[in-house]
PDB file of N, CA and C in Angstrom:
ATOM      1  N   GLN A   1       5.628 -37.815  69.678  1.00  0.00           N
ATOM      2  CA  GLN A   1       7.306 -37.295  70.047  1.00  0.00           C
ATOM      3  C   GLN A   1       8.343 -38.501  70.191  1.00  0.00           C
ATOM      4  N   VAL A   2       7.470 -39.665  70.866  1.00  0.00           N
ATOM      5  CA  VAL A   2       7.844 -40.934  70.905  1.00  0.00           C
ATOM      6  C   VAL A   2       7.216 -41.749  69.768  1.00  0.00           C
ATOM      7  N   GLN A   3       7.450 -42.511  68.387  1.00  0.00           N
ATOM      8  CA  GLN A   3       7.096 -43.120  67.567  1.00  0.00           C
ATOM      9  C   GLN A   3       7.468 -44.794  68.455  1.00  0.00           C
ATOM     10  N   LEU A   4       6.206 -45.697  67.942  1.00  0.00           N
ATOM     11  CA  LEU A   4       6.117 -46.518  68.280  1.00  0.00           C
ATOM     12  C   LEU A   4       5.666 -47.707  67.306  1.00  0.00           C
ATOM     13  N   VAL A   5       6.383 -48.418  66.368  1.00  0.00           N
ATOM     14  CA  VAL A   5       6.410 -49.282  65.232  1.00  0.00           C
ATOM     15  C   VAL A   5       6.767 -51.074  65.631  1.00  0.00           C
ATOM     16  N   GLU A   6       5.274 -51.401  65.404  1.00  0.00           N
ATOM     17  CA  GLU A   6       5.436 -53.174  65.583  1.00  0.00           C
ATOM     18  C   GLU A   6       5.705 -53.470  64.162  1.00  0.00           C
ATOM     19  N   SER A   7       6.951 -54.777  63.637  1.00  0.00           N
ATOM     20  CA  SER A   7       6.398 -55.562  62.557  1.00  0.00           C
ATOM     21  C   SER A   7       6.136 -57.000  63.366  1.00  0.00           C
ATOM     22  N   GLY A   8       6.260 -57.901  62.598  1.00  0.00           N
ATOM     23  CA  GLY A   8       7.039 -58.918  62.653  1.00  0.00           C
ATOM     24  C   GLY A   8       5.527 -60.413  63.035  1.00  0.00           C
ATOM     25  N   GLY A   9       4.186 -59.532  62.803  1.00  0.00           N
ATOM     26  CA  GLY A   9       3.599 -60.524  62.661  1.00  0.00           C
ATOM     27  C   GLY A   9       3.038 -60.662  61.335  1.00  0.00           C
ATOM     28  N   GLY A  10       1.951 -61.909  61.701  1.00  0.00           N
ATOM     29  CA  GLY A  10       1.611 -63.321  60.566  1.00  0.00           C
ATOM     30  C   GLY A  10       0.472 -63.771  60.866  1.00  0.00           C
ATOM     31  N   LEU A  11       0.702 -65.150  59.589  1.00  0.00           N
ATOM     32  CA  LEU A  11      -0.378 -66.050  60.256  1.00  0.00           C
ATOM     33  C   LEU A  11       0.255 -67.297  60.532  1.00  0.00           C
ATOM     34  N   VAL A  12       0.491 -67.550  61.162  1.00  0.00           N
ATOM     35  CA  VAL A  12       0.856 -68.921  61.290  1.00  0.00           C
ATOM     36  C   VAL A  12       0.128 -70.419  62.152  1.00  0.00           C
ATOM     37  N   GLN A  13       0.092 -71.478  61.881  1.00  0.00           N
ATOM     38  CA  GLN A  13      -0.588 -72.759  62.503  1.00  0.00           C
ATOM     39  C   GLN A  13       0.102 -73.026  63.695  1.00  0.00           C
ATOM     40  N   ALA A  14      -0.864 -73.095  64.564  1.00  0.00           N
ATOM     41  CA  ALA A  14      -0.921 -73.685  66.444  1.00  0.00           C
ATOM     42  C   ALA A  14       0.351 -74.792  65.780  1.00  0.00           C
ATOM     43  N   GLY A  15       1.281 -74.213  67.025  1.00  0.00           N
ATOM     44  CA  GLY A  15       2.372 -74.708  67.772  1.00  0.00           C
ATOM     45  C   GLY A  15       3.656 -73.925  66.815  1.00  0.00           C
ATOM     46  N   GLY A  16       3.670 -73.191  66.312  1.00  0.00           N
ATOM     47  CA  GLY A  16       4.388 -72.257  65.097  1.00  0.00           C
ATOM     48  C   GLY A  16       4.786 -71.266  66.386  1.00  0.00           C
ATOM     49  N   SER A  17       5.659 -70.121  65.551  1.00  0.00           N
ATOM     50  CA  SER A  17       6.421 -68.997  66.523  1.00  0.00           C
ATOM     51  C   SER A  17       6.790 -67.893  65.396  1.00  0.00           C
ATOM     52  N   LEU A  18       6.657 -66.921  66.531  1.00  0.00           N
ATOM     53  CA  LEU A  18       6.402 -65.838  65.826  1.00  0.00           C
ATOM     54  C   LEU A  18       7.307 -64.450  66.475  1.00  0.00           C
ATOM     55  N   ARG A  19       7.911 -64.251  65.535  1.00  0.00           N
ATOM     56  CA  ARG A  19       9.206 -62.871  66.688  1.00  0.00           C
ATOM     57  C   ARG A  19       8.511 -61.413  66.571  1.00  0.00           C
ATOM     58  N   LEU A  20       7.673 -60.818  67.538  1.00  0.00           N
ATOM     59  CA  LEU A  20       7.294 -59.520  67.082  1.00  0.00           C
ATOM     60  C   LEU A  20       8.678 -58.620  67.291  1.00  0.00           C
ATOM     61  N   SER A  21       8.394 -57.628  66.817  1.00  0.00           N
ATOM     62  CA  SER A  21       9.313 -56.337  67.261  1.00  0.00           C
ATOM     63  C   SER A  21       9.002 -55.048  66.829  1.00  0.00           C
ATOM     64  N   CYS A  22       9.301 -54.442  68.128  1.00  0.00           N
ATOM     65  CA  CYS A  22       8.696 -52.797  68.554  1.00  0.00           C
ATOM     66  C   CYS A  22      10.108 -51.782  68.613  1.00  0.00           C
ATOM     67  N   ALA A  23      10.326 -50.874  66.884  1.00  0.00           N
ATOM     68  CA  ALA A  23      11.002 -49.745  66.820  1.00  0.00           C
ATOM     69  C   ALA A  23      10.465 -48.844  67.622  1.00  0.00           C
ATOM     70  N   ALA A  24      11.847 -48.186  68.588  1.00  0.00           N
ATOM     71  CA  ALA A  24      11.473 -47.034  68.983  1.00  0.00           C
ATOM     72  C   ALA A  24      11.871 -45.906  68.363  1.00  0.00           C
ATOM     73  N   SER A  25      11.620 -43.924  68.714  1.00  0.00           N
ATOM     74  CA  SER A  25      12.395 -42.956  68.709  1.00  0.00           C
ATOM     75  C   SER A  25      11.966 -42.051  70.075  1.00  0.00           C
ATOM     76  N   GLY A  26      12.810 -41.868  70.129  1.00  0.00           N
ATOM     77  CA  GLY A  26      12.902 -41.311  71.648  1.00  0.00           C
ATOM     78  C   GLY A  26      14.068 -41.050  71.533  1.00  0.00           C
ATOM     79  N   ARG A  27      14.635 -39.637  72.702  1.00  0.00           N
ATOM     80  CA  ARG A  27      16.198 -39.906  73.363  1.00  0.00           C
ATOM     81  C   ARG A  27      16.282 -40.628  74.685  1.00  0.00           C
ATOM     82  N   THR A  28      15.066 -41.020  75.263  1.00  0.00           N
ATOM     83  CA  THR A  28      14.690 -41.653  76.397  1.00  0.00           C
ATOM     84  C   THR A  28      14.679 -43.718  76.673  1.00  0.00           C
ATOM     85  N   PHE A  29      14.406 -44.105  75.340  1.00  0.00           N
ATOM     86  CA  PHE A  29      14.031 -44.781  75.223  1.00  0.00           C
ATOM     87  C   PHE A  29      15.189 -45.894  76.601  1.00  0.00           C
ATOM     88  N   SER A  30      16.087 -46.201  76.712  1.00  0.00           N
ATOM     89  CA  SER A  30      16.679 -47.278  77.393  1.00  0.00           C
ATOM     90  C   SER A  30      15.768 -46.799  78.966  1.00  0.00           C
ATOM     91  N   ARG A  31      15.266 -45.880  79.016  1.00  0.00           N
ATOM     92  CA  ARG A  31      14.394 -45.514  80.863  1.00  0.00           C
ATOM     93  C   ARG A  31      13.488 -45.889  80.426  1.00  0.00           C
ATOM     94  N   TYR A  32      12.224 -45.888  79.030  1.00  0.00           N
ATOM     95  CA  TYR A  32      11.352 -46.508  79.260  1.00  0.00           C
ATOM     96  C   TYR A  32      10.702 -47.991  79.812  1.00  0.00           C
ATOM     97  N   ALA A  33       9.418 -48.607  80.641  1.00  0.00           N
ATOM     98  CA  ALA A  33       8.527 -49.839  80.921  1.00  0.00           C
ATOM     99  C   ALA A  33       8.373 -49.613  79.032  1.00  0.00           C
ATOM    100  N   MET A  34       8.286 -51.164  78.767  1.00  0.00           N
ATOM    101  CA  MET A  34       8.361 -51.415  77.220  1.00  0.00           C
ATOM    102  C   MET A  34       6.987 -52.709  78.002  1.00  0.00           C
ATOM    103  N   GLY A  35       6.148 -52.395  77.079  1.00  0.00           N
ATOM    104  CA  GLY A  35       4.695 -53.736  76.920  1.00  0.00           C
ATOM    105  C   GLY A  35       3.964 -53.919  76.154  1.00  0.00           C
ATOM    106  N   TRP A  36       3.756 -55.204  75.399  1.00  0.00           N
ATOM    107  CA  TRP A  36       2.906 -55.497  74.724  1.00  0.00           C
ATOM    108  C   TRP A  36       0.928 -56.009  75.357  1.00  0.00           C
ATOM    109  N   PHE A  37       0.417 -55.636  74.433  1.00  0.00           N
ATOM    110  CA  PHE A  37      -0.795 -55.854  75.104  1.00  0.00           C
ATOM    111  C   PHE A  37      -1.621 -56.518  73.279  1.00  0.00           C
ATOM    112  N   ARG A  38      -2.489 -57.024  73.480  1.00  0.00           N
ATOM    113  CA  ARG A  38      -2.994 -58.132  72.368  1.00  0.00           C
ATOM    114  C   ARG A  38      -4.302 -57.663  73.018  1.00  0.00           C
ATOM    115  N   GLN A  39      -5.594 -57.546  71.386  1.00  0.00           N
ATOM    116  CA  GLN A  39      -6.881 -57.166  71.314  1.00  0.00           C
ATOM    117  C   GLN A  39      -7.078 -57.607  70.171  1.00  0.00           C
ATOM    118  N   ALA A  40      -8.181 -59.637  70.497  1.00  0.00           N
ATOM    119  CA  ALA A  40      -8.947 -60.055  69.842  1.00  0.00           C
ATOM    120  C   ALA A  40     -10.282 -59.159  69.317  1.00  0.00           C
ATOM    121  N   PRO A  41     -10.814 -59.013  68.214  1.00  0.00           N
ATOM    122  CA  PRO A  41     -11.876 -58.405  67.984  1.00  0.00           C
ATOM    123  C   PRO A  41     -12.975 -58.227  68.850  1.00  0.00           C
ATOM    124  N   GLY A  42     -13.940 -57.166  69.685  1.00  0.00           N
ATOM    125  CA  GLY A  42     -14.699 -57.198  69.949  1.00  0.00           C
ATOM    126  C   GLY A  42     -14.364 -57.393  71.726  1.00  0.00           C
ATOM    127  N   LYS A  43     -13.422 -57.999  72.117  1.00  0.00           N
ATOM    128  CA  LYS A  43     -12.179 -58.065  73.613  1.00  0.00           C
ATOM    129  C   LYS A  43     -11.532 -56.207  73.870  1.00  0.00           C
ATOM    130  N   GLU A  44     -11.120 -56.579  74.779  1.00  0.00           N
ATOM    131  CA  GLU A  44     -10.822 -55.624  75.158  1.00  0.00           C
ATOM    132  C   GLU A  44      -9.055 -55.621  75.506  1.00  0.00           C
ATOM    133  N   ARG A  45      -8.682 -54.686  74.725  1.00  0.00           N
ATOM    134  CA  ARG A  45      -7.272 -54.546  75.466  1.00  0.00           C
ATOM    135  C   ARG A  45      -6.050 -55.078  76.418  1.00  0.00           C
ATOM    136  N   LYS A  46      -5.855 -56.067  76.287  1.00  0.00           N
ATOM    137  CA  LYS A  46      -5.206 -56.442  77.427  1.00  0.00           C
ATOM    138  C   LYS A  46      -3.903 -57.437  77.375  1.00  0.00           C
ATOM    139  N   PHE A  47      -3.037 -56.853  78.389  1.00  0.00           N
ATOM    140  CA  PHE A  47      -1.949 -57.243  78.965  1.00  0.00           C
ATOM    141  C   PHE A  47      -1.029 -58.214  78.247  1.00  0.00           C
ATOM    142  N   VAL A  48      -0.227 -58.759  78.473  1.00  0.00           N
ATOM    143  CA  VAL A  48       0.737 -60.027  77.626  1.00  0.00           C
ATOM    144  C   VAL A  48       1.447 -59.916  77.841  1.00  0.00           C
ATOM    145  N   ALA A  49       2.504 -58.857  78.044  1.00  0.00           N
ATOM    146  CA  ALA A  49       3.944 -58.976  78.214  1.00  0.00           C
ATOM    147  C   ALA A  49       4.771 -57.941  78.368  1.00  0.00           C
ATOM    148  N   ALA A  50       5.495 -57.488  79.796  1.00  0.00           N
ATOM    149  CA  ALA A  50       6.316 -56.145  80.094  1.00  0.00           C
ATOM    150  C   ALA A  50       7.671 -56.226  79.971  1.00  0.00           C
ATOM    151  N   ILE A  51       7.777 -55.183  79.865  1.00  0.00           N
ATOM    152  CA  ILE A  51      10.176 -55.349  80.585  1.00  0.00           C
ATOM    153  C   ILE A  51      10.293 -53.695  80.974  1.00  0.00           C
ATOM    154  N   THR A  52      10.632 -53.646  81.772  1.00  0.00           N
ATOM    155  CA  THR A  52      11.445 -52.297  83.083  1.00  0.00           C
ATOM    156  C   THR A  52      12.293 -51.980  82.491  1.00  0.00           C
ATOM    157  N   TRP A  53      12.869 -50.778  82.773  1.00  0.00           N
ATOM    158  CA  TRP A  53      14.388 -50.089  81.244  1.00  0.00           C
ATOM    159  C   TRP A  53      15.302 -50.632  82.357  1.00  0.00           C
ATOM    160  N   SER A  54      14.963 -51.461  83.388  1.00  0.00           N
ATOM    161  CA  SER A  54      16.303 -51.919  84.146  1.00  0.00           C
ATOM    162  C   SER A  54      16.159 -54.470  83.509  1.00  0.00           C
ATOM    163  N   SER A  55      14.916 -54.344  82.651  1.00  0.00           N
ATOM    164  CA  SER A  55      14.733 -55.494  81.990  1.00  0.00           C
ATOM    165  C   SER A  55      14.561 -56.535  83.195  1.00  0.00           C
ATOM    166  N   MET A  56      13.587 -56.078  84.140  1.00  0.00           N
ATOM    167  CA  MET A  56      12.718 -56.969  84.502  1.00  0.00           C
ATOM    168  C   MET A  56      11.046 -57.102  84.226  1.00  0.00           C
ATOM    169  N   SER A  57      11.484 -58.647  83.681  1.00  0.00           N
ATOM    170  CA  SER A  57      10.023 -58.881  82.639  1.00  0.00           C
ATOM    171  C   SER A  57       8.589 -58.915  83.733  1.00  0.00           C
ATOM    172  N   TYR A  58       7.574 -59.367  82.982  1.00  0.00           N
ATOM    173  CA  TYR A  58       6.838 -59.880  83.741  1.00  0.00           C
ATOM    174  C   TYR A  58       5.506 -60.799  82.661  1.00  0.00           C
ATOM    175  N   TYR A  59       4.933 -61.518  82.778  1.00  0.00           N
ATOM    176  CA  TYR A  59       4.098 -61.611  82.039  1.00  0.00           C
ATOM    177  C   TYR A  59       2.361 -62.192  82.663  1.00  0.00           C
ATOM    178  N   THR A  60       1.732 -62.729  81.370  1.00  0.00           N
ATOM    179  CA  THR A  60      -0.031 -62.687  81.890  1.00  0.00           C
ATOM    180  C   THR A  60       0.013 -64.761  82.129  1.00  0.00           C
ATOM    181  N   ASP A  61      -0.670 -64.992  83.049  1.00  0.00           N
ATOM    182  CA  ASP A  61      -0.483 -66.186  83.283  1.00  0.00           C
ATOM    183  C   ASP A  61      -0.770 -67.264  82.041  1.00  0.00           C
ATOM    184  N   SER A  62      -1.273 -66.405  80.890  1.00  0.00           N
ATOM    185  CA  SER A  62      -1.783 -67.653  79.896  1.00  0.00           C
ATOM    186  C   SER A  62      -0.534 -67.874  78.811  1.00  0.00           C
ATOM    187  N   VAL A  63       0.791 -66.975  78.724  1.00  0.00           N
ATOM    188  CA  VAL A  63       1.622 -66.902  77.856  1.00  0.00           C
ATOM    189  C   VAL A  63       2.859 -67.490  78.960  1.00  0.00           C
ATOM    190  N   LYS A  64       2.762 -67.315  79.687  1.00  0.00           N
ATOM    191  CA  LYS A  64       4.224 -67.695  80.379  1.00  0.00           C
ATOM    192  C   LYS A  64       4.546 -69.228  80.409  1.00  0.00           C
ATOM    193  N   GLY A  65       6.083 -68.877  79.740  1.00  0.00           N
ATOM    194  CA  GLY A  65       6.605 -70.270  79.654  1.00  0.00           C
ATOM    195  C   GLY A  65       6.876 -70.471  77.733  1.00  0.00           C
ATOM    196  N   ARG A  66       5.485 -69.424  77.325  1.00  0.00           N
ATOM    197  CA  ARG A  66       5.845 -69.350  75.922  1.00  0.00           C
ATOM    198  C   ARG A  66       6.324 -68.149  74.956  1.00  0.00           C
ATOM    199  N   PHE A  67       6.023 -67.434  75.739  1.00  0.00           N
ATOM    200  CA  PHE A  67       6.489 -65.701  74.924  1.00  0.00           C
ATOM    201  C   PHE A  67       7.929 -65.748  76.036  1.00  0.00           C
ATOM    202  N   THR A  68       7.938 -65.236  75.257  1.00  0.00           N
ATOM    203  CA  THR A  68      10.137 -63.725  76.091  1.00  0.00           C
ATOM    204  C   THR A  68       9.755 -63.079  75.647  1.00  0.00           C
ATOM    205  N   ILE A  69      10.058 -61.776  76.333  1.00  0.00           N
ATOM    206  CA  ILE A  69      10.172 -60.144  75.859  1.00  0.00           C
ATOM    207  C   ILE A  69      11.578 -60.091  76.083  1.00  0.00           C
ATOM    208  N   SER A  70      12.242 -59.130  75.270  1.00  0.00           N
ATOM    209  CA  SER A  70      13.585 -58.677  75.919  1.00  0.00           C
ATOM    210  C   SER A  70      13.836 -57.046  74.858  1.00  0.00           C
ATOM    211  N   ARG A  71      14.699 -56.259  75.558  1.00  0.00           N
ATOM    212  CA  ARG A  71      14.925 -55.425  74.749  1.00  0.00           C
ATOM    213  C   ARG A  71      16.142 -55.039  74.450  1.00  0.00           C
ATOM    214  N   ASP A  72      16.921 -54.543  73.024  1.00  0.00           N
ATOM    215  CA  ASP A  72      18.100 -54.207  73.210  1.00  0.00           C
ATOM    216  C   ASP A  72      17.804 -52.639  73.061  1.00  0.00           C
ATOM    217  N   ASN A  73      18.519 -51.858  73.988  1.00  0.00           N
ATOM    218  CA  ASN A  73      18.630 -50.551  73.878  1.00  0.00           C
ATOM    219  C   ASN A  73      19.255 -49.575  72.952  1.00  0.00           C
ATOM    220  N   ALA A  74      20.486 -50.215  72.512  1.00  0.00           N
ATOM    221  CA  ALA A  74      21.445 -49.625  71.368  1.00  0.00           C
ATOM    222  C   ALA A  74      20.781 -49.809  70.324  1.00  0.00           C
ATOM    223  N   LYS A  75      19.631 -50.294  69.291  1.00  0.00           N
ATOM    224  CA  LYS A  75      19.056 -50.106  68.621  1.00  0.00           C
ATOM    225  C   LYS A  75      17.840 -50.190  68.999  1.00  0.00           C
ATOM    226  N   ASN A  76      16.870 -49.446  69.764  1.00  0.00           N
ATOM    227  CA  ASN A  76      15.983 -49.223  70.363  1.00  0.00           C
ATOM    228  C   ASN A  76      14.834 -49.501  70.098  1.00  0.00           C
ATOM    229  N   THR A  77      14.801 -51.027  70.627  1.00  0.00           N
ATOM    230  CA  THR A  77      13.765 -52.010  69.899  1.00  0.00           C
ATOM    231  C   THR A  77      13.448 -53.067  71.082  1.00  0.00           C
ATOM    232  N   VAL A  78      12.274 -53.070  70.874  1.00  0.00           N
ATOM    233  CA  VAL A  78      11.713 -54.485  71.925  1.00  0.00           C
ATOM    234  C   VAL A  78      11.479 -55.557  71.231  1.00  0.00           C
ATOM    235  N   TYR A  79      11.403 -56.580  71.599  1.00  0.00           N
ATOM    236  CA  TYR A  79      10.711 -58.200  71.311  1.00  0.00           C
ATOM    237  C   TYR A  79      10.363 -58.770  71.926  1.00  0.00           C
ATOM    238  N   MET A  80       9.732 -59.543  70.937  1.00  0.00           N
ATOM    239  CA  MET A  80       8.461 -60.268  71.518  1.00  0.00           C
ATOM    240  C   MET A  80       8.578 -62.120  70.907  1.00  0.00           C
ATOM    241  N   GLN A  81       9.552 -62.121  71.672  1.00  0.00           N
ATOM    242  CA  GLN A  81       9.721 -63.977  70.657  1.00  0.00           C
ATOM    243  C   GLN A  81       7.952 -64.919  71.292  1.00  0.00           C
ATOM    244  N   MET A  82       7.223 -65.629  70.749  1.00  0.00           N
ATOM    245  CA  MET A  82       6.313 -66.034  70.705  1.00  0.00           C
ATOM    246  C   MET A  82       6.238 -67.576  70.808  1.00  0.00           C
ATOM    247  N   ASN A  83       6.096 -68.630  71.535  1.00  0.00           N
ATOM    248  CA  ASN A  83       6.203 -70.077  70.899  1.00  0.00           C
ATOM    249  C   ASN A  83       5.485 -70.940  70.815  1.00  0.00           C
ATOM    250  N   SER A  84       5.307 -71.607  70.700  1.00  0.00           N
ATOM    251  CA  SER A  84       4.223 -72.762  70.790  1.00  0.00           C
ATOM    252  C   SER A  84       2.948 -72.144  71.293  1.00  0.00           C
ATOM    253  N   LEU A  85       2.239 -71.076  69.812  1.00  0.00           N
ATOM    254  CA  LEU A  85       1.089 -70.505  69.290  1.00  0.00           C
ATOM    255  C   LEU A  85      -0.041 -71.399  69.343  1.00  0.00           C
ATOM    256  N   LYS A  86      -1.056 -70.360  69.997  1.00  0.00           N
ATOM    257  CA  LYS A  86      -2.575 -71.467  69.802  1.00  0.00           C
ATOM    258  C   LYS A  86      -2.656 -70.299  69.227  1.00  0.00           C
ATOM    259  N   PRO A  87      -3.967 -70.882  68.765  1.00  0.00           N
ATOM    260  CA  PRO A  87      -5.408 -70.456  68.294  1.00  0.00           C
ATOM    261  C   PRO A  87      -6.195 -69.085  69.546  1.00  0.00           C
ATOM    262  N   GLU A  88      -5.913 -69.356  70.109  1.00  0.00           N
ATOM    263  CA  GLU A  88      -6.092 -68.176  71.128  1.00  0.00           C
ATOM    264  C   GLU A  88      -5.544 -67.031  71.346  1.00  0.00           C
ATOM    265  N   ASP A  89      -3.914 -67.339  71.080  1.00  0.00           N
ATOM    266  CA  ASP A  89      -2.975 -66.370  71.347  1.00  0.00           C
ATOM    267  C   ASP A  89      -3.727 -64.856  69.615  1.00  0.00           C
ATOM    268  N   THR A  90      -4.341 -65.685  68.770  1.00  0.00           N
ATOM    269  CA  THR A  90      -4.879 -64.564  67.747  1.00  0.00           C
ATOM    270  C   THR A  90      -5.591 -63.510  68.200  1.00  0.00           C
ATOM    271  N   ALA A  91      -4.791 -62.215  67.875  1.00  0.00           N
ATOM    272  CA  ALA A  91      -5.131 -60.308  67.881  1.00  0.00           C
ATOM    273  C   ALA A  91      -4.240 -60.257  67.213  1.00  0.00           C
ATOM    274  N   VAL A  92      -4.580 -58.466  67.380  1.00  0.00           N
ATOM    275  CA  VAL A  92      -4.272 -57.374  67.012  1.00  0.00           C
ATOM    276  C   VAL A  92      -3.389 -57.120  68.201  1.00  0.00           C
ATOM    277  N   TYR A  93      -1.207 -57.498  67.865  1.00  0.00           N
ATOM    278  CA  TYR A  93      -0.802 -56.856  69.678  1.00  0.00           C
ATOM    279  C   TYR A  93      -0.329 -55.336  69.336  1.00  0.00           C
ATOM    280  N   TYR A  94       0.178 -54.844  70.671  1.00  0.00           N
ATOM    281  CA  TYR A  94       0.263 -53.715  70.552  1.00  0.00           C
ATOM    282  C   TYR A  94       1.849 -53.080  71.114  1.00  0.00           C
ATOM    283  N   CYS A  95       2.677 -53.072  70.494  1.00  0.00           N
ATOM    284  CA  CYS A  95       3.464 -51.915  71.294  1.00  0.00           C
ATOM    285  C   CYS A  95       3.280 -50.900  72.387  1.00  0.00           C
ATOM    286  N   ALA A  96       3.720 -51.370  73.730  1.00  0.00           N
ATOM    287  CA  ALA A  96       3.238 -49.868  74.302  1.00  0.00           C
ATOM    288  C   ALA A  96       4.765 -49.246  74.842  1.00  0.00           C
ATOM    289  N   ALA A  97       5.294 -48.274  75.335  1.00  0.00           N
ATOM    290  CA  ALA A  97       6.119 -47.144  76.027  1.00  0.00           C
ATOM    291  C   ALA A  97       5.479 -46.452  77.770  1.00  0.00           C
ATOM    292  N   GLY A  98       6.038 -46.712  78.743  1.00  0.00           N
ATOM    293  CA  GLY A  98       5.831 -45.641  79.708  1.00  0.00           C
ATOM    294  C   GLY A  98       6.459 -45.210  80.277  1.00  0.00           C
ATOM    295  N   SER A  99       6.663 -44.933  80.914  1.00  0.00           N
ATOM    296  CA  SER A  99       7.850 -44.255  82.394  1.00  0.00           C
ATOM    297  C   SER A  99       7.858 -45.039  83.743  1.00  0.00           C
ATOM    298  N   ALA A 100       6.766 -45.697  84.171  1.00  0.00           N
ATOM    299  CA  ALA A 100       7.003 -46.603  85.041  1.00  0.00           C
ATOM    300  C   ALA A 100       8.238 -47.546  85.324  1.00  0.00           C
ATOM    301  N   TYR A 101       8.654 -47.030  87.310  1.00  0.00           N
ATOM    302  CA  TYR A 101       9.426 -48.095  87.051  1.00  0.00           C
ATOM    303  C   TYR A 101       9.247 -49.481  87.536  1.00  0.00           C
ATOM    304  N   MET A 102       8.365 -49.847  88.216  1.00  0.00           N
ATOM    305  CA  MET A 102       7.045 -50.928  88.178  1.00  0.00           C
ATOM    306  C   MET A 102       7.162 -51.712  87.025  1.00  0.00           C
ATOM    307  N   ILE A 103       6.709 -52.613  87.398  1.00  0.00           N
ATOM    308  CA  ILE A 103       6.101 -53.683  86.069  1.00  0.00           C
ATOM    309  C   ILE A 103       4.436 -53.118  85.904  1.00  0.00           C
ATOM    310  N   ALA A 104       4.291 -52.836  84.745  1.00  0.00           N
ATOM    311  CA  ALA A 104       2.967 -52.255  84.313  1.00  0.00           C
ATOM    312  C   ALA A 104       1.876 -52.903  83.542  1.00  0.00           C
ATOM    313  N   THR A 105       1.141 -53.120  83.939  1.00  0.00           N
ATOM    314  CA  THR A 105      -0.164 -54.292  83.451  1.00  0.00           C
ATOM    315  C   THR A 105      -1.163 -53.542  82.827  1.00  0.00           C
ATOM    316  N   ALA A 106      -1.690 -52.494  82.859  1.00  0.00           N
ATOM    317  CA  ALA A 106      -2.736 -51.617  82.748  1.00  0.00           C
ATOM    318  C   ALA A 106      -2.857 -50.670  81.663  1.00  0.00           C
ATOM    319  N   THR A 107      -3.599 -50.837  80.603  1.00  0.00           N
ATOM    320  CA  THR A 107      -3.224 -49.954  79.586  1.00  0.00           C
ATOM    321  C   THR A 107      -2.886 -48.463  79.944  1.00  0.00           C
ATOM    322  N   ASN A 108      -3.852 -47.795  81.443  1.00  0.00           N
ATOM    323  CA  ASN A 108      -3.246 -46.010  81.609  1.00  0.00           C
ATOM    324  C   ASN A 108      -2.131 -46.734  82.132  1.00  0.00           C
ATOM    325  N   GLU A 109      -1.575 -47.270  82.244  1.00  0.00           N
ATOM    326  CA  GLU A 109      -0.057 -47.215  82.564  1.00  0.00           C
ATOM    327  C   GLU A 109       0.909 -46.657  81.596  1.00  0.00           C
ATOM    328  N   TYR A 110       0.783 -46.367  80.446  1.00  0.00           N
ATOM    329  CA  TYR A 110       1.516 -46.594  79.216  1.00  0.00           C
ATOM    330  C   TYR A 110       1.409 -45.715  78.407  1.00  0.00           C
ATOM    331  N   ASP A 111       2.213 -44.551  78.121  1.00  0.00           N
ATOM    332  CA  ASP A 111       2.397 -43.438  77.376  1.00  0.00           C
ATOM    333  C   ASP A 111       2.010 -43.664  75.790  1.00  0.00           C
ATOM    334  N   TYR A 112       2.460 -44.304  75.817  1.00  0.00           N
ATOM    335  CA  TYR A 112       2.768 -44.264  74.111  1.00  0.00           C
ATOM    336  C   TYR A 112       1.928 -45.804  73.939  1.00  0.00           C
ATOM    337  N   TRP A 113       1.789 -45.437  72.251  1.00  0.00           N
ATOM    338  CA  TRP A 113       1.200 -46.951  71.682  1.00  0.00           C
ATOM    339  C   TRP A 113       1.719 -46.886  70.067  1.00  0.00           C
ATOM    340  N   GLY A 114       1.906 -47.983  69.634  1.00  0.00           N
ATOM    341  CA  GLY A 114       2.056 -47.695  67.736  1.00  0.00           C
ATOM    342  C   GLY A 114       0.707 -48.663  67.499  1.00  0.00           C
ATOM    343  N   GLN A 115       0.691 -48.677  66.178  1.00  0.00           N
ATOM    344  CA  GLN A 115      -0.505 -49.363  65.225  1.00  0.00           C
ATOM    345  C   GLN A 115      -1.122 -50.257  65.384  1.00  0.00           C
ATOM    346  N   GLY A 116      -0.145 -51.333  65.417  1.00  0.00           N
ATOM    347  CA  GLY A 116      -0.437 -52.742  66.125  1.00  0.00           C
ATOM    348  C   GLY A 116       0.274 -53.416  65.195  1.00  0.00           C
ATOM    349  N   THR A 117       0.417 -54.767  65.337  1.00  0.00           N
ATOM    350  CA  THR A 117       0.580 -56.067  64.193  1.00  0.00           C
ATOM    351  C   THR A 117      -0.749 -56.684  64.189  1.00  0.00           C
ATOM    352  N   GLN A 118      -1.196 -57.864  63.474  1.00  0.00           N
ATOM    353  CA  GLN A 118      -2.253 -58.687  63.258  1.00  0.00           C
ATOM    354  C   GLN A 118      -1.338 -60.300  63.373  1.00  0.00           C
ATOM    355  N   VAL A 119      -1.641 -60.579  64.633  1.00  0.00           N
ATOM    356  CA  VAL A 119      -1.102 -62.338  64.588  1.00  0.00           C
ATOM    357  C   VAL A 119      -2.491 -62.901  64.813  1.00  0.00           C
ATOM    358  N   THR A 120      -2.250 -64.151  63.735  1.00  0.00           N
ATOM    359  CA  THR A 120      -2.750 -64.909  63.218  1.00  0.00           C
ATOM    360  C   THR A 120      -2.893 -66.303  63.772  1.00  0.00           C
ATOM    361  N   VAL A 121      -3.705 -67.360  64.337  1.00  0.00           N
ATOM    362  CA  VAL A 121      -2.956 -68.455  64.707  1.00  0.00           C
ATOM    363  C   VAL A 121      -4.157 -69.637  64.247  1.00  0.00           C
ATOM    364  N   SER A 122      -3.971 -70.404  62.971  1.00  0.00           N
ATOM    365  CA  SER A 122      -5.022 -71.104  63.112  1.00  0.00           C
ATOM    366  C   SER A 122      -4.669 -72.622  63.481  1.00  0.00           C
ATOM    367  N   SER A 123      -5.921 -73.441  63.650  1.00  0.00           N
ATOM    368  CA  SER A 123      -5.727 -74.657  64.358  1.00  0.00           C
ATOM    369  C   SER A 123      -5.413 -75.744  63.605  1.00  0.00           C
TER     370      SER A 123
END
């Protein structure tokens, strides 16, 4: 019903930047809360950033001041600008969509997931 497709991942040196995109299909996109999660090998999938349908945003402490989440409802797309990247940011990044009106930071608060895009940060 709702499809999410991430893009923009890649290999970057520490201190560099990447911009992730998540293209969504669905008639109610503008009302979805959107989130970014990441999962490193052998680790749990963890919250990175979220933005509500009203454009309130929240970030996990480790990325505050470096990452910025935004959305363009006209394009059915959510973005995450990632600056000052660190090797610890290396992971597969997943876009997620849900119907929560409050900021959602848990995986079970989201209904739809993309396939993920790899981000690798070298030292």
